[in-house]
Amino acid sequence: MAYWNSPSIVRTAKAFRDFREMRGWSQAELAFLMGVSPNTIARWERGERRIPNLAHSWRWLYMEYEERA
């Protein structure tokens, strides 16, 4: 099975996209916050690339967002 067709990867990619959309961030805004390219965010959301350290990244993003609010 191809990496991006794995059910767990599809759920993770969707959760990542849902998290971004829930915060009202564009792919470019999230990319800036994470220090990656917008294309990387798009690939993560399509499940084409593994999202590194997902839990840590989300926790950091939430803290970063709360500090800016």
C-alpha atoms as a PDB file:
ATOM      1  CA  MET A   1       0.000   0.000   0.000  1.00  0.00           C
ATOM      2  CA  ALA A   2       1.347   3.417  -0.934  1.00  0.00           C
ATOM      3  CA  TYR A   3       2.271   5.668   1.960  1.00  0.00           C
ATOM      4  CA  TRP A   4      -0.429   8.243   1.238  1.00  0.00           C
ATOM      5  CA  ASN A   5      -3.141   5.582   0.946  1.00  0.00           C
ATOM      6  CA  SER A   6      -2.692   4.240   4.473  1.00  0.00           C
ATOM      7  CA  PRO A   7      -5.891   4.822   6.512  1.00  0.00           C
ATOM      8  CA  SER A   8      -3.922   6.109   9.509  1.00  0.00           C
ATOM      9  CA  ILE A   9      -1.993   8.570   7.325  1.00  0.00           C
ATOM     10  CA  VAL A  10      -5.203   9.828   5.734  1.00  0.00           C
ATOM     11  CA  ARG A  11      -6.713  10.435   9.201  1.00  0.00           C
ATOM     12  CA  THR A  12      -3.537  12.190  10.377  1.00  0.00           C
ATOM     13  CA  ALA A  13      -3.346  14.368   7.265  1.00  0.00           C
ATOM     14  CA  LYS A  14      -7.020  15.298   7.620  1.00  0.00           C
ATOM     15  CA  ALA A  15      -6.577  16.085  11.317  1.00  0.00           C
ATOM     16  CA  PHE A  16      -3.606  18.300  10.471  1.00  0.00           C
ATOM     17  CA  ARG A  17      -5.622  20.192   7.833  1.00  0.00           C
ATOM     18  CA  ASP A  18      -8.620  20.451  10.168  1.00  0.00           C
ATOM     19  CA  PHE A  19      -6.375  21.861  12.911  1.00  0.00           C
ATOM     20  CA  ARG A  20      -5.027  24.525  10.527  1.00  0.00           C
ATOM     21  CA  GLU A  21      -8.465  25.444   9.234  1.00  0.00           C
ATOM     22  CA  MET A  22      -9.930  25.557  12.743  1.00  0.00           C
ATOM     23  CA  ARG A  23      -7.294  28.162  13.634  1.00  0.00           C
ATOM     24  CA  GLY A  24      -8.127  30.147  10.488  1.00  0.00           C
ATOM     25  CA  TRP A  25      -4.583  29.865   9.142  1.00  0.00           C
ATOM     26  CA  SER A  26      -3.674  29.609   5.478  1.00  0.00           C
ATOM     27  CA  GLN A  27      -1.092  27.055   4.428  1.00  0.00           C
ATOM     28  CA  ALA A  28       1.373  29.921   3.983  1.00  0.00           C
ATOM     29  CA  GLU A  29       0.738  31.253   7.504  1.00  0.00           C
ATOM     30  CA  LEU A  30       1.191  27.828   9.066  1.00  0.00           C
ATOM     31  CA  ALA A  31       4.313  27.246   6.979  1.00  0.00           C
ATOM     32  CA  PHE A  32       5.778  30.519   8.264  1.00  0.00           C
ATOM     33  CA  LEU A  33       5.030  29.561  11.883  1.00  0.00           C
ATOM     34  CA  MET A  34       6.608  26.139  11.442  1.00  0.00           C
ATOM     35  CA  GLY A  35       9.585  27.301   9.372  1.00  0.00           C
ATOM     36  CA  VAL A  36       8.744  25.165   6.346  1.00  0.00           C
ATOM     37  CA  SER A  37       7.510  25.910   2.837  1.00  0.00           C
ATOM     38  CA  PRO A  38       3.806  26.126   1.958  1.00  0.00           C
ATOM     39  CA  ASN A  39       4.401  23.173  -0.392  1.00  0.00           C
ATOM     40  CA  THR A  40       5.494  21.095   2.596  1.00  0.00           C
ATOM     41  CA  ILE A  41       2.250  21.908   4.416  1.00  0.00           C
ATOM     42  CA  ALA A  42       0.264  20.956   1.295  1.00  0.00           C
ATOM     43  CA  ARG A  43       2.130  17.631   1.014  1.00  0.00           C
ATOM     44  CA  TRP A  44       1.491  16.859   4.689  1.00  0.00           C
ATOM     45  CA  GLU A  45      -2.203  17.619   4.244  1.00  0.00           C
ATOM     46  CA  ARG A  46      -2.431  15.377   1.181  1.00  0.00           C
ATOM     47  CA  GLY A  47      -0.646  12.607   3.077  1.00  0.00           C
ATOM     48  CA  GLU A  48       2.261  12.584   0.634  1.00  0.00           C
ATOM     49  CA  ARG A  49       4.877  13.212   3.306  1.00  0.00           C
ATOM     50  CA  ARG A  50       5.171  12.105   6.910  1.00  0.00           C
ATOM     51  CA  ILE A  51       4.382  14.859   9.410  1.00  0.00           C
ATOM     52  CA  PRO A  52       7.362  14.911  11.783  1.00  0.00           C
ATOM     53  CA  ASN A  53       6.795  14.932  15.547  1.00  0.00           C
ATOM     54  CA  LEU A  54       3.128  15.685  15.102  1.00  0.00           C
ATOM     55  CA  ALA A  55       2.132  15.968  18.754  1.00  0.00           C
ATOM     56  CA  HIS A  56       5.102  18.184  19.589  1.00  0.00           C
ATOM     57  CA  SER A  57       4.472  20.407  16.562  1.00  0.00           C
ATOM     58  CA  TRP A  58       0.809  20.901  17.413  1.00  0.00           C
ATOM     59  CA  ARG A  59       1.589  21.709  21.048  1.00  0.00           C
ATOM     60  CA  TRP A  60       4.189  24.261  19.944  1.00  0.00           C
ATOM     61  CA  LEU A  61       1.805  25.795  17.413  1.00  0.00           C
ATOM     62  CA  TYR A  62      -0.936  26.138  20.000  1.00  0.00           C
ATOM     63  CA  MET A  63       1.416  27.860  22.453  1.00  0.00           C
ATOM     64  CA  GLU A  64       2.727  30.127  19.707  1.00  0.00           C
ATOM     65  CA  TYR A  65      -0.799  31.030  18.669  1.00  0.00           C
ATOM     66  CA  GLU A  66      -1.912  31.765  22.237  1.00  0.00           C
ATOM     67  CA  GLU A  67       1.070  34.074  22.796  1.00  0.00           C
ATOM     68  CA  ARG A  68       0.195  36.086  19.697  1.00  0.00           C
ATOM     69  CA  ALA A  69      -3.516  36.379  20.581  1.00  0.00           C
END
